[in-house]
């Protein structure tokens, strides 16, 4: 019969702690070694560069230009005693600037942004797009769009680069008149 020596609780605790520490330090060392030298695939990805055929260039309005256009639209509305909101969005539909005129209704803010987004998305005034609904009524179901007159696209080299939307006047025709005044201010 083999004699088994009983190990004290203290010895077991010290031995177990040492084992846990050794495993933890060994894991940390392996992690540190991996962190300091990236895998070959990661090094290749960092060194890779997109070729010119994989890139495209787009034109965007500056914040100053967007502000100028929005202010021109708001000024045109003020001349007619109209209380409107003007929004200018970039080619991707992101809002660059929004000016809410004194006394403009609460619904005008969102409406102006949606009109601007719709105009730049289709590169057409929203009054024309509203007419298209007669042939394709499902267009109105596209999220973020509003097919009411009052949005005008801004183009550069025949490509849309921004949209200006105006909302709050008693008619879409007036909203669009002010949006076009904003576009015209960019040519000056």
N, C-alpha and C. Protein backbone atom coordinates (compact mmCIF):
# COMPACT_ATOMS: atom_id res chain seq x y z
N UNK A 1 0.83 -1.17 0.00
CA UNK A 1 0.00 0.00 0.00
C UNK A 1 0.88 1.24 0.00
N UNK A 2 0.51 2.18 -0.83
CA UNK A 2 1.28 3.41 -0.98
C UNK A 2 0.83 4.39 0.09
N UNK A 3 1.78 5.08 0.66
CA UNK A 3 1.47 6.02 1.72
C UNK A 3 1.28 7.41 1.08
N UNK A 4 0.17 8.06 1.33
CA UNK A 4 -0.13 9.39 0.81
C UNK A 4 0.03 10.38 1.93
N UNK A 5 0.86 11.36 1.69
CA UNK A 5 1.09 12.38 2.70
C UNK A 5 0.00 13.44 2.59
N UNK A 6 -0.57 13.79 3.70
CA UNK A 6 -1.61 14.80 3.74
C UNK A 6 -0.97 16.18 3.61
N UNK A 7 -1.50 17.02 2.71
CA UNK A 7 -0.96 18.35 2.48
C UNK A 7 -1.84 19.35 3.23
N UNK A 8 -1.21 20.26 3.91
CA UNK A 8 -1.97 21.22 4.71
C UNK A 8 -2.74 22.19 3.80
N UNK A 9 -3.72 22.78 4.40
CA UNK A 9 -4.54 23.76 3.69
C UNK A 9 -3.68 24.93 3.22
N UNK A 10 -2.79 25.36 4.07
CA UNK A 10 -1.92 26.48 3.73
C UNK A 10 -1.05 26.15 2.52
N UNK A 11 -0.50 24.97 2.45
CA UNK A 11 0.35 24.55 1.34
C UNK A 11 -0.46 24.50 0.05
N UNK A 12 -1.67 23.98 0.15
CA UNK A 12 -2.54 23.91 -1.04
C UNK A 12 -2.87 25.33 -1.55
N UNK A 13 -3.15 26.25 -0.65
CA UNK A 13 -3.49 27.62 -1.04
C UNK A 13 -2.30 28.31 -1.71
N UNK A 14 -1.11 28.14 -1.13
CA UNK A 14 0.08 28.77 -1.69
C UNK A 14 0.40 28.16 -3.05
N UNK A 15 0.33 26.83 -3.15
CA UNK A 15 0.62 26.15 -4.41
C UNK A 15 -0.40 26.54 -5.47
N UNK A 16 -1.67 26.56 -5.11
CA UNK A 16 -2.73 26.94 -6.06
C UNK A 16 -2.56 28.37 -6.53
N UNK A 17 -2.23 29.28 -5.62
CA UNK A 17 -2.02 30.68 -5.98
C UNK A 17 -0.85 30.85 -6.92
N UNK A 18 0.23 30.10 -6.65
CA UNK A 18 1.40 30.17 -7.52
C UNK A 18 1.07 29.66 -8.92
N UNK A 19 0.27 28.59 -8.99
CA UNK A 19 -0.13 28.04 -10.28
C UNK A 19 -0.98 29.05 -11.06
N UNK A 20 -1.94 29.67 -10.40
CA UNK A 20 -2.79 30.68 -11.05
C UNK A 20 -1.92 31.84 -11.54
N UNK A 21 -1.00 32.30 -10.72
CA UNK A 21 -0.12 33.41 -11.11
C UNK A 21 0.73 33.05 -12.32
N UNK A 22 1.25 31.83 -12.34
CA UNK A 22 2.09 31.39 -13.46
C UNK A 22 1.29 31.34 -14.75
N UNK A 23 0.08 30.82 -14.69
CA UNK A 23 -0.77 30.76 -15.88
C UNK A 23 -1.12 32.16 -16.35
N UNK A 24 -1.47 33.03 -15.41
CA UNK A 24 -1.84 34.40 -15.77
C UNK A 24 -0.67 35.13 -16.40
N UNK A 25 0.51 35.03 -15.81
CA UNK A 25 1.68 35.70 -16.38
C UNK A 25 2.06 35.14 -17.73
N UNK A 26 1.92 33.84 -17.88
CA UNK A 26 2.22 33.21 -19.17
C UNK A 26 1.26 33.72 -20.23
N UNK A 27 -0.03 33.83 -19.89
CA UNK A 27 -1.02 34.36 -20.83
C UNK A 27 -0.74 35.80 -21.16
N UNK A 28 -0.34 36.60 -20.14
CA UNK A 28 -0.03 38.01 -20.36
C UNK A 28 1.17 38.16 -21.28
N UNK A 29 2.17 37.31 -21.08
CA UNK A 29 3.36 37.35 -21.93
C UNK A 29 3.02 37.04 -23.38
N UNK A 30 2.17 36.04 -23.57
CA UNK A 30 1.75 35.70 -24.94
C UNK A 30 0.96 36.84 -25.55
N UNK A 31 0.10 37.47 -24.75
CA UNK A 31 -0.70 38.58 -25.25
C UNK A 31 0.21 39.75 -25.61
N UNK A 32 1.18 40.05 -24.72
CA UNK A 32 2.10 41.16 -24.98
C UNK A 32 2.90 40.92 -26.25
N UNK A 33 3.36 39.70 -26.44
CA UNK A 33 4.13 39.38 -27.63
C UNK A 33 3.29 39.56 -28.88
N UNK A 34 2.01 39.17 -28.83
CA UNK A 34 1.13 39.32 -29.98
C UNK A 34 0.80 40.78 -30.23
N UNK A 35 0.64 41.56 -29.16
CA UNK A 35 0.28 42.97 -29.32
C UNK A 35 1.43 43.76 -29.92
N UNK A 36 2.67 43.36 -29.64
CA UNK A 36 3.80 44.14 -30.15
C UNK A 36 4.15 43.82 -31.60
N UNK A 37 3.75 42.67 -32.07
CA UNK A 37 4.05 42.34 -33.46
C UNK A 37 2.79 41.82 -34.15
N UNK A 38 2.18 42.67 -35.00
CA UNK A 38 0.95 42.26 -35.66
C UNK A 38 1.16 41.06 -36.58
N UNK A 39 0.09 40.35 -36.78
CA UNK A 39 0.13 39.18 -37.66
C UNK A 39 0.46 39.63 -39.08
N UNK A 40 1.02 38.74 -39.91
CA UNK A 40 1.38 39.13 -41.29
C UNK A 40 0.21 39.71 -42.06
N UNK A 41 -1.00 39.16 -41.89
CA UNK A 41 -2.17 39.67 -42.63
C UNK A 41 -2.47 41.10 -42.21
N UNK A 42 -2.35 41.40 -40.92
CA UNK A 42 -2.61 42.75 -40.45
C UNK A 42 -1.57 43.72 -41.00
N UNK A 43 -0.32 43.32 -41.05
CA UNK A 43 0.72 44.18 -41.62
C UNK A 43 0.45 44.46 -43.10
N UNK A 44 -0.02 43.47 -43.81
CA UNK A 44 -0.32 43.66 -45.24
C UNK A 44 -1.48 44.63 -45.41
N UNK A 45 -2.49 44.56 -44.55
CA UNK A 45 -3.64 45.46 -44.66
C UNK A 45 -3.23 46.90 -44.39
N UNK A 46 -2.33 47.11 -43.46
CA UNK A 46 -1.88 48.45 -43.17
C UNK A 46 -1.09 49.01 -44.35
N UNK A 47 -0.32 48.20 -45.00
CA UNK A 47 0.51 48.65 -46.12
C UNK A 47 -0.29 48.81 -47.41
N UNK A 48 -1.48 48.18 -47.50
CA UNK A 48 -2.27 48.26 -48.73
C UNK A 48 -2.76 49.68 -48.94
N UNK A 49 -2.87 50.07 -50.18
CA UNK A 49 -3.35 51.40 -50.52
C UNK A 49 -4.34 51.24 -51.67
N UNK A 50 -5.43 51.98 -51.61
CA UNK A 50 -6.43 51.88 -52.67
C UNK A 50 -5.87 52.50 -53.95
N UNK A 51 -6.16 51.87 -55.06
CA UNK A 51 -5.70 52.42 -56.33
C UNK A 51 -6.67 53.52 -56.77
N UNK A 52 -6.25 54.34 -57.69
CA UNK A 52 -7.07 55.44 -58.16
C UNK A 52 -8.41 54.98 -58.70
N UNK A 53 -8.46 53.80 -59.30
CA UNK A 53 -9.73 53.35 -59.87
C UNK A 53 -10.74 52.97 -58.78
N UNK A 54 -10.27 52.84 -57.54
CA UNK A 54 -11.15 52.52 -56.42
C UNK A 54 -11.65 53.76 -55.69
N UNK A 55 -11.27 54.92 -56.15
CA UNK A 55 -11.62 56.17 -55.47
C UNK A 55 -12.51 57.02 -56.35
N UNK A 56 -13.31 57.81 -55.70
CA UNK A 56 -14.14 58.79 -56.41
C UNK A 56 -14.04 60.10 -55.66
N UNK A 57 -14.24 61.17 -56.34
CA UNK A 57 -14.18 62.48 -55.72
C UNK A 57 -15.54 63.13 -55.85
N UNK A 58 -15.98 63.76 -54.78
CA UNK A 58 -17.25 64.46 -54.85
C UNK A 58 -17.07 65.89 -54.37
N UNK A 59 -18.00 66.73 -54.75
CA UNK A 59 -17.96 68.13 -54.41
C UNK A 59 -18.99 68.41 -53.33
N UNK A 60 -18.62 69.19 -52.36
CA UNK A 60 -19.53 69.54 -51.27
C UNK A 60 -19.53 71.05 -51.08
N UNK A 61 -20.65 71.57 -50.60
CA UNK A 61 -20.70 72.98 -50.25
C UNK A 61 -19.93 73.19 -48.95
N UNK A 62 -19.30 74.32 -48.83
CA UNK A 62 -18.68 74.67 -47.56
C UNK A 62 -19.79 75.12 -46.61
N UNK A 63 -19.48 75.15 -45.34
CA UNK A 63 -20.43 75.64 -44.35
C UNK A 63 -20.78 77.09 -44.65
N UNK A 64 -19.79 77.87 -45.05
CA UNK A 64 -20.04 79.28 -45.37
C UNK A 64 -21.00 79.42 -46.55
N UNK A 65 -20.80 78.62 -47.58
CA UNK A 65 -21.69 78.69 -48.75
C UNK A 65 -23.10 78.25 -48.38
N UNK A 66 -23.21 77.19 -47.59
CA UNK A 66 -24.53 76.71 -47.16
C UNK A 66 -25.23 77.77 -46.33
N UNK A 67 -24.48 78.44 -45.46
CA UNK A 67 -25.06 79.51 -44.64
C UNK A 67 -25.52 80.68 -45.48
N UNK A 68 -24.72 81.03 -46.48
CA UNK A 68 -25.08 82.12 -47.40
C UNK A 68 -26.38 81.80 -48.15
N UNK A 69 -26.47 80.57 -48.64
CA UNK A 69 -27.67 80.16 -49.38
C UNK A 69 -28.90 80.16 -48.48
N UNK A 70 -28.75 79.63 -47.27
CA UNK A 70 -29.88 79.58 -46.34
C UNK A 70 -30.33 81.00 -45.97
N UNK A 71 -29.37 81.88 -45.73
CA UNK A 71 -29.71 83.26 -45.38
C UNK A 71 -30.40 83.97 -46.53
N UNK A 72 -29.96 83.72 -47.76
CA UNK A 72 -30.61 84.35 -48.92
C UNK A 72 -32.05 83.88 -49.06
N UNK A 73 -32.28 82.59 -48.83
CA UNK A 73 -33.65 82.06 -48.89
C UNK A 73 -34.52 82.68 -47.80
N UNK A 74 -33.97 82.77 -46.60
CA UNK A 74 -34.72 83.35 -45.48
C UNK A 74 -35.00 84.83 -45.73
N UNK A 75 -34.03 85.56 -46.27
CA UNK A 75 -34.23 86.98 -46.59
C UNK A 75 -35.31 87.16 -47.65
N UNK A 76 -35.34 86.30 -48.66
CA UNK A 76 -36.38 86.38 -49.70
C UNK A 76 -37.77 86.17 -49.08
N UNK A 77 -37.87 85.26 -48.14
CA UNK A 77 -39.15 85.01 -47.48
C UNK A 77 -39.56 86.20 -46.61
N UNK A 78 -38.60 86.78 -45.92
CA UNK A 78 -38.89 87.95 -45.06
C UNK A 78 -39.41 89.11 -45.89
N UNK A 79 -38.86 89.30 -47.11
CA UNK A 79 -39.33 90.39 -47.98
C UNK A 79 -40.82 90.23 -48.27
N UNK A 80 -41.28 88.97 -48.34
CA UNK A 80 -42.70 88.69 -48.60
C UNK A 80 -43.49 88.50 -47.31
N UNK A 81 -42.88 88.84 -46.19
CA UNK A 81 -43.53 88.69 -44.88
C UNK A 81 -43.91 87.24 -44.55
N UNK A 82 -43.09 86.31 -44.97
CA UNK A 82 -43.36 84.88 -44.71
C UNK A 82 -42.43 84.38 -43.61
N UNK A 83 -42.98 83.51 -42.79
CA UNK A 83 -42.23 82.91 -41.68
C UNK A 83 -41.89 81.47 -42.06
N UNK A 84 -40.65 81.23 -42.38
CA UNK A 84 -40.26 79.91 -42.88
C UNK A 84 -39.01 79.40 -42.18
N UNK A 85 -38.74 78.13 -42.42
CA UNK A 85 -37.49 77.50 -42.02
C UNK A 85 -36.79 77.07 -43.30
N UNK A 86 -35.46 77.24 -43.31
CA UNK A 86 -34.65 76.87 -44.47
C UNK A 86 -33.62 75.83 -44.01
N UNK A 87 -33.49 74.76 -44.78
CA UNK A 87 -32.48 73.74 -44.49
C UNK A 87 -31.62 73.51 -45.73
N UNK A 88 -30.34 73.31 -45.51
CA UNK A 88 -29.41 72.97 -46.58
C UNK A 88 -28.75 71.65 -46.19
N UNK A 89 -28.84 70.67 -47.10
CA UNK A 89 -28.24 69.36 -46.85
C UNK A 89 -27.16 69.09 -47.89
N UNK A 90 -26.21 68.24 -47.55
CA UNK A 90 -25.16 67.88 -48.51
C UNK A 90 -25.64 66.76 -49.42
N UNK A 91 -24.76 66.29 -50.30
CA UNK A 91 -25.11 65.27 -51.29
C UNK A 91 -25.63 63.99 -50.64
N UNK A 92 -25.17 63.71 -49.42
CA UNK A 92 -25.59 62.49 -48.73
C UNK A 92 -26.83 62.70 -47.87
N UNK A 93 -27.38 63.91 -47.90
CA UNK A 93 -28.59 64.19 -47.13
C UNK A 93 -28.33 64.63 -45.71
N UNK A 94 -27.07 64.84 -45.36
CA UNK A 94 -26.74 65.31 -44.02
C UNK A 94 -26.95 66.82 -43.94
N UNK A 95 -27.59 67.26 -42.88
CA UNK A 95 -27.87 68.68 -42.73
C UNK A 95 -26.58 69.46 -42.49
N UNK A 96 -26.38 70.49 -43.29
CA UNK A 96 -25.24 71.39 -43.12
C UNK A 96 -25.65 72.55 -42.24
N UNK A 97 -26.80 73.15 -42.57
CA UNK A 97 -27.29 74.29 -41.80
C UNK A 97 -28.82 74.34 -41.88
N UNK A 98 -29.43 74.78 -40.80
CA UNK A 98 -30.87 75.02 -40.79
C UNK A 98 -31.10 76.35 -40.10
N UNK A 99 -31.88 77.21 -40.73
CA UNK A 99 -32.25 78.50 -40.15
C UNK A 99 -33.76 78.53 -39.98
N UNK A 100 -34.20 78.68 -38.76
CA UNK A 100 -35.63 78.77 -38.48
C UNK A 100 -35.95 80.24 -38.28
N UNK A 101 -36.72 80.78 -39.20
CA UNK A 101 -37.07 82.20 -39.13
C UNK A 101 -37.99 82.48 -37.97
N UNK A 102 -37.99 83.72 -37.53
CA UNK A 102 -38.87 84.13 -36.43
C UNK A 102 -40.32 83.82 -36.78
N UNK A 103 -40.99 83.12 -35.88
CA UNK A 103 -42.40 82.82 -36.07
C UNK A 103 -42.70 81.63 -36.95
N UNK A 104 -41.69 80.94 -37.44
CA UNK A 104 -41.94 79.76 -38.29
C UNK A 104 -42.58 78.66 -37.46
N UNK A 105 -43.49 77.94 -38.06
CA UNK A 105 -44.20 76.87 -37.36
C UNK A 105 -43.31 75.71 -36.98
N UNK A 106 -43.70 74.95 -35.96
CA UNK A 106 -42.87 73.84 -35.50
C UNK A 106 -42.70 72.73 -36.54
N UNK A 107 -43.66 72.55 -37.42
CA UNK A 107 -43.57 71.52 -38.44
C UNK A 107 -42.62 71.89 -39.57
N UNK A 108 -42.29 73.17 -39.67
CA UNK A 108 -41.48 73.63 -40.80
C UNK A 108 -40.04 73.13 -40.74
N UNK A 109 -39.51 72.91 -39.55
CA UNK A 109 -38.12 72.48 -39.40
C UNK A 109 -37.89 71.14 -40.10
N UNK A 110 -38.66 70.14 -39.72
CA UNK A 110 -38.50 68.80 -40.31
C UNK A 110 -38.88 68.80 -41.79
N UNK A 111 -39.92 69.54 -42.13
CA UNK A 111 -40.37 69.59 -43.53
C UNK A 111 -39.29 70.18 -44.43
N UNK A 112 -38.63 71.24 -43.97
CA UNK A 112 -37.57 71.87 -44.78
C UNK A 112 -36.42 70.88 -45.01
N UNK A 113 -36.03 70.15 -43.98
CA UNK A 113 -34.94 69.18 -44.15
C UNK A 113 -35.33 68.07 -45.12
N UNK A 114 -36.57 67.58 -45.01
CA UNK A 114 -37.01 66.50 -45.90
C UNK A 114 -37.12 66.98 -47.35
N UNK A 115 -37.56 68.20 -47.55
CA UNK A 115 -37.64 68.74 -48.91
C UNK A 115 -36.24 68.87 -49.51
N UNK A 116 -35.29 69.35 -48.71
CA UNK A 116 -33.91 69.49 -49.19
C UNK A 116 -33.34 68.12 -49.55
N UNK A 117 -33.58 67.13 -48.68
CA UNK A 117 -33.09 65.77 -48.91
C UNK A 117 -33.70 65.19 -50.19
N UNK A 118 -34.99 65.40 -50.39
CA UNK A 118 -35.68 64.88 -51.56
C UNK A 118 -35.13 65.52 -52.84
N UNK A 119 -34.91 66.83 -52.81
CA UNK A 119 -34.40 67.54 -53.99
C UNK A 119 -33.01 67.06 -54.38
N UNK A 120 -32.12 66.87 -53.41
CA UNK A 120 -30.76 66.42 -53.75
C UNK A 120 -30.75 64.95 -54.14
N UNK A 121 -31.63 64.16 -53.56
CA UNK A 121 -31.67 62.73 -53.88
C UNK A 121 -32.04 62.48 -55.34
N UNK A 122 -32.97 63.26 -55.86
CA UNK A 122 -33.41 63.08 -57.24
C UNK A 122 -32.89 64.15 -58.18
N UNK A 123 -32.10 65.09 -57.67
CA UNK A 123 -31.56 66.17 -58.48
C UNK A 123 -32.65 66.87 -59.28
N UNK A 124 -33.73 67.19 -58.57
CA UNK A 124 -34.85 67.87 -59.21
C UNK A 124 -35.62 68.67 -58.16
N UNK A 125 -36.24 69.76 -58.59
CA UNK A 125 -37.09 70.50 -57.65
C UNK A 125 -38.24 69.60 -57.17
N UNK A 126 -38.61 69.77 -55.92
CA UNK A 126 -39.64 68.88 -55.37
C UNK A 126 -41.01 69.11 -55.99
N UNK A 127 -41.22 70.27 -56.61
CA UNK A 127 -42.50 70.49 -57.30
C UNK A 127 -42.61 69.53 -58.49
N UNK A 128 -41.50 69.31 -59.21
CA UNK A 128 -41.49 68.35 -60.32
C UNK A 128 -41.68 66.93 -59.80
N UNK A 129 -41.05 66.64 -58.69
CA UNK A 129 -41.15 65.29 -58.12
C UNK A 129 -42.57 65.00 -57.62
N UNK A 130 -43.25 66.03 -57.14
CA UNK A 130 -44.64 65.85 -56.70
C UNK A 130 -45.51 65.41 -57.87
N UNK A 131 -45.19 65.92 -59.05
CA UNK A 131 -45.93 65.52 -60.26
C UNK A 131 -45.67 64.04 -60.60
N UNK A 132 -44.48 63.57 -60.33
CA UNK A 132 -44.13 62.17 -60.61
C UNK A 132 -44.95 61.20 -59.76
N UNK A 133 -45.45 61.67 -58.64
CA UNK A 133 -46.25 60.80 -57.77
C UNK A 133 -47.51 60.29 -58.48
N UNK A 134 -47.97 61.04 -59.45
CA UNK A 134 -49.16 60.61 -60.18
C UNK A 134 -48.90 59.30 -60.93
N UNK A 135 -47.68 59.13 -61.43
CA UNK A 135 -47.33 57.90 -62.14
C UNK A 135 -46.74 56.84 -61.20
N UNK A 136 -46.13 57.27 -60.13
CA UNK A 136 -45.48 56.32 -59.20
C UNK A 136 -45.80 56.73 -57.75
N UNK A 137 -47.01 56.44 -57.29
CA UNK A 137 -47.41 56.88 -55.95
C UNK A 137 -46.59 56.27 -54.81
N UNK A 138 -45.88 55.19 -55.07
CA UNK A 138 -45.07 54.56 -54.02
C UNK A 138 -43.82 55.36 -53.68
N UNK A 139 -43.46 56.34 -54.50
CA UNK A 139 -42.29 57.18 -54.21
C UNK A 139 -42.40 57.81 -52.83
N UNK A 140 -43.60 58.17 -52.45
CA UNK A 140 -43.80 58.85 -51.16
C UNK A 140 -43.48 57.95 -49.97
N UNK A 141 -43.34 56.66 -50.20
CA UNK A 141 -43.03 55.72 -49.12
C UNK A 141 -41.54 55.61 -48.81
N UNK A 142 -40.70 56.29 -49.57
CA UNK A 142 -39.26 56.24 -49.33
C UNK A 142 -38.96 57.07 -48.08
N UNK A 143 -38.30 56.46 -47.10
CA UNK A 143 -38.06 57.16 -45.83
C UNK A 143 -37.27 58.46 -46.00
N UNK A 144 -37.67 59.47 -45.24
CA UNK A 144 -36.96 60.74 -45.21
C UNK A 144 -37.32 61.71 -46.31
N UNK A 145 -38.21 61.31 -47.21
CA UNK A 145 -38.55 62.18 -48.34
C UNK A 145 -39.87 62.91 -48.08
N UNK A 146 -40.05 64.01 -48.78
CA UNK A 146 -41.29 64.77 -48.73
C UNK A 146 -41.53 65.37 -50.11
N UNK A 147 -42.56 64.89 -50.77
CA UNK A 147 -42.85 65.30 -52.14
C UNK A 147 -43.86 66.44 -52.16
N UNK A 148 -43.42 67.56 -51.61
CA UNK A 148 -44.19 68.80 -51.66
C UNK A 148 -43.26 69.87 -52.21
N UNK A 149 -43.81 70.82 -52.94
CA UNK A 149 -42.98 71.90 -53.49
C UNK A 149 -42.27 72.64 -52.37
N UNK A 150 -41.03 73.04 -52.66
CA UNK A 150 -40.26 73.80 -51.68
C UNK A 150 -38.81 73.35 -51.57
N UNK A 151 -38.41 72.37 -52.36
CA UNK A 151 -37.02 71.91 -52.35
C UNK A 151 -36.38 72.13 -53.70
N UNK A 152 -35.11 72.54 -53.69
CA UNK A 152 -34.39 72.77 -54.95
C UNK A 152 -32.99 72.18 -54.82
N UNK A 153 -32.52 71.50 -55.88
CA UNK A 153 -31.16 70.94 -55.83
C UNK A 153 -30.12 72.01 -56.15
N UNK A 154 -28.92 71.79 -55.64
CA UNK A 154 -27.76 72.60 -55.98
C UNK A 154 -26.84 71.67 -56.76
N UNK A 155 -26.41 72.09 -57.95
CA UNK A 155 -25.58 71.22 -58.78
C UNK A 155 -24.23 71.86 -59.07
N UNK A 156 -23.28 71.00 -59.35
CA UNK A 156 -21.97 71.42 -59.82
C UNK A 156 -21.58 70.44 -60.92
N UNK A 157 -21.28 70.96 -62.10
CA UNK A 157 -20.98 70.11 -63.26
C UNK A 157 -22.10 69.09 -63.50
N UNK A 158 -23.33 69.56 -63.42
CA UNK A 158 -24.55 68.78 -63.66
C UNK A 158 -24.78 67.64 -62.67
N UNK A 159 -24.06 67.64 -61.57
CA UNK A 159 -24.25 66.61 -60.54
C UNK A 159 -24.77 67.28 -59.27
N UNK A 160 -25.69 66.63 -58.57
CA UNK A 160 -26.21 67.23 -57.33
C UNK A 160 -25.14 67.22 -56.24
N UNK A 161 -25.00 68.37 -55.56
CA UNK A 161 -24.05 68.46 -54.46
C UNK A 161 -24.71 68.88 -53.16
N UNK A 162 -25.95 69.40 -53.26
CA UNK A 162 -26.66 69.83 -52.06
C UNK A 162 -28.13 70.02 -52.42
N UNK A 163 -28.93 70.20 -51.39
CA UNK A 163 -30.34 70.50 -51.58
C UNK A 163 -30.73 71.59 -50.60
N UNK A 164 -31.63 72.46 -51.05
CA UNK A 164 -32.15 73.52 -50.19
C UNK A 164 -33.65 73.30 -50.07
N UNK A 165 -34.12 73.24 -48.85
CA UNK A 165 -35.55 73.06 -48.61
C UNK A 165 -36.10 74.20 -47.79
N UNK A 166 -37.29 74.63 -48.14
CA UNK A 166 -37.96 75.71 -47.42
C UNK A 166 -39.37 75.23 -47.08
N UNK A 167 -39.80 75.52 -45.87
CA UNK A 167 -41.15 75.13 -45.45
C UNK A 167 -41.71 76.21 -44.52
N UNK A 168 -43.02 76.39 -44.59
CA UNK A 168 -43.69 77.32 -43.69
C UNK A 168 -44.54 78.36 -44.38
N UNK A 169 -44.28 78.64 -45.65
CA UNK A 169 -45.10 79.61 -46.38
C UNK A 169 -46.46 78.96 -46.67
N UNK A 170 -47.46 79.78 -46.98
CA UNK A 170 -48.79 79.20 -47.20
C UNK A 170 -48.93 78.34 -48.46
N UNK A 171 -47.92 78.35 -49.33
CA UNK A 171 -47.99 77.48 -50.51
C UNK A 171 -46.60 76.95 -50.84
N UNK A 172 -46.57 75.78 -51.45
CA UNK A 172 -45.32 75.18 -51.88
C UNK A 172 -44.63 76.01 -52.93
N UNK A 173 -45.42 76.71 -53.75
CA UNK A 173 -44.82 77.56 -54.78
C UNK A 173 -43.95 78.66 -54.15
N UNK A 174 -44.44 79.24 -53.06
CA UNK A 174 -43.64 80.26 -52.37
C UNK A 174 -42.40 79.64 -51.73
N UNK A 175 -42.59 78.49 -51.08
CA UNK A 175 -41.45 77.79 -50.48
C UNK A 175 -40.36 77.55 -51.53
N UNK A 176 -40.79 77.09 -52.69
CA UNK A 176 -39.81 76.79 -53.74
C UNK A 176 -39.17 78.06 -54.30
N UNK A 177 -39.93 79.12 -54.38
CA UNK A 177 -39.39 80.42 -54.82
C UNK A 177 -38.23 80.82 -53.90
N UNK A 178 -38.38 80.63 -52.61
CA UNK A 178 -37.35 81.00 -51.64
C UNK A 178 -36.16 80.04 -51.71
N UNK A 179 -36.44 78.78 -51.93
CA UNK A 179 -35.35 77.79 -52.10
C UNK A 179 -34.51 78.14 -53.32
N UNK A 180 -35.16 78.54 -54.41
CA UNK A 180 -34.44 78.93 -55.62
C UNK A 180 -33.61 80.20 -55.39
N UNK A 181 -34.10 81.09 -54.53
CA UNK A 181 -33.32 82.29 -54.18
C UNK A 181 -32.04 81.88 -53.46
N UNK A 182 -32.13 80.85 -52.65
CA UNK A 182 -30.93 80.32 -51.98
C UNK A 182 -29.93 79.75 -52.96
N UNK A 183 -30.44 79.01 -53.93
CA UNK A 183 -29.57 78.43 -54.97
C UNK A 183 -28.91 79.56 -55.77
N UNK A 184 -29.69 80.56 -56.14
CA UNK A 184 -29.17 81.69 -56.93
C UNK A 184 -28.07 82.44 -56.19
N UNK A 185 -28.14 82.50 -54.87
CA UNK A 185 -27.13 83.21 -54.08
C UNK A 185 -25.77 82.53 -54.18
N UNK A 186 -25.75 81.26 -54.51
CA UNK A 186 -24.48 80.55 -54.62
C UNK A 186 -23.72 80.90 -55.89
N UNK A 187 -24.42 81.40 -56.89
CA UNK A 187 -23.78 81.76 -58.16
C UNK A 187 -23.17 83.15 -58.14
N UNK A 188 -23.33 83.86 -57.05
CA UNK A 188 -22.86 85.25 -57.00
C UNK A 188 -21.49 85.35 -56.44
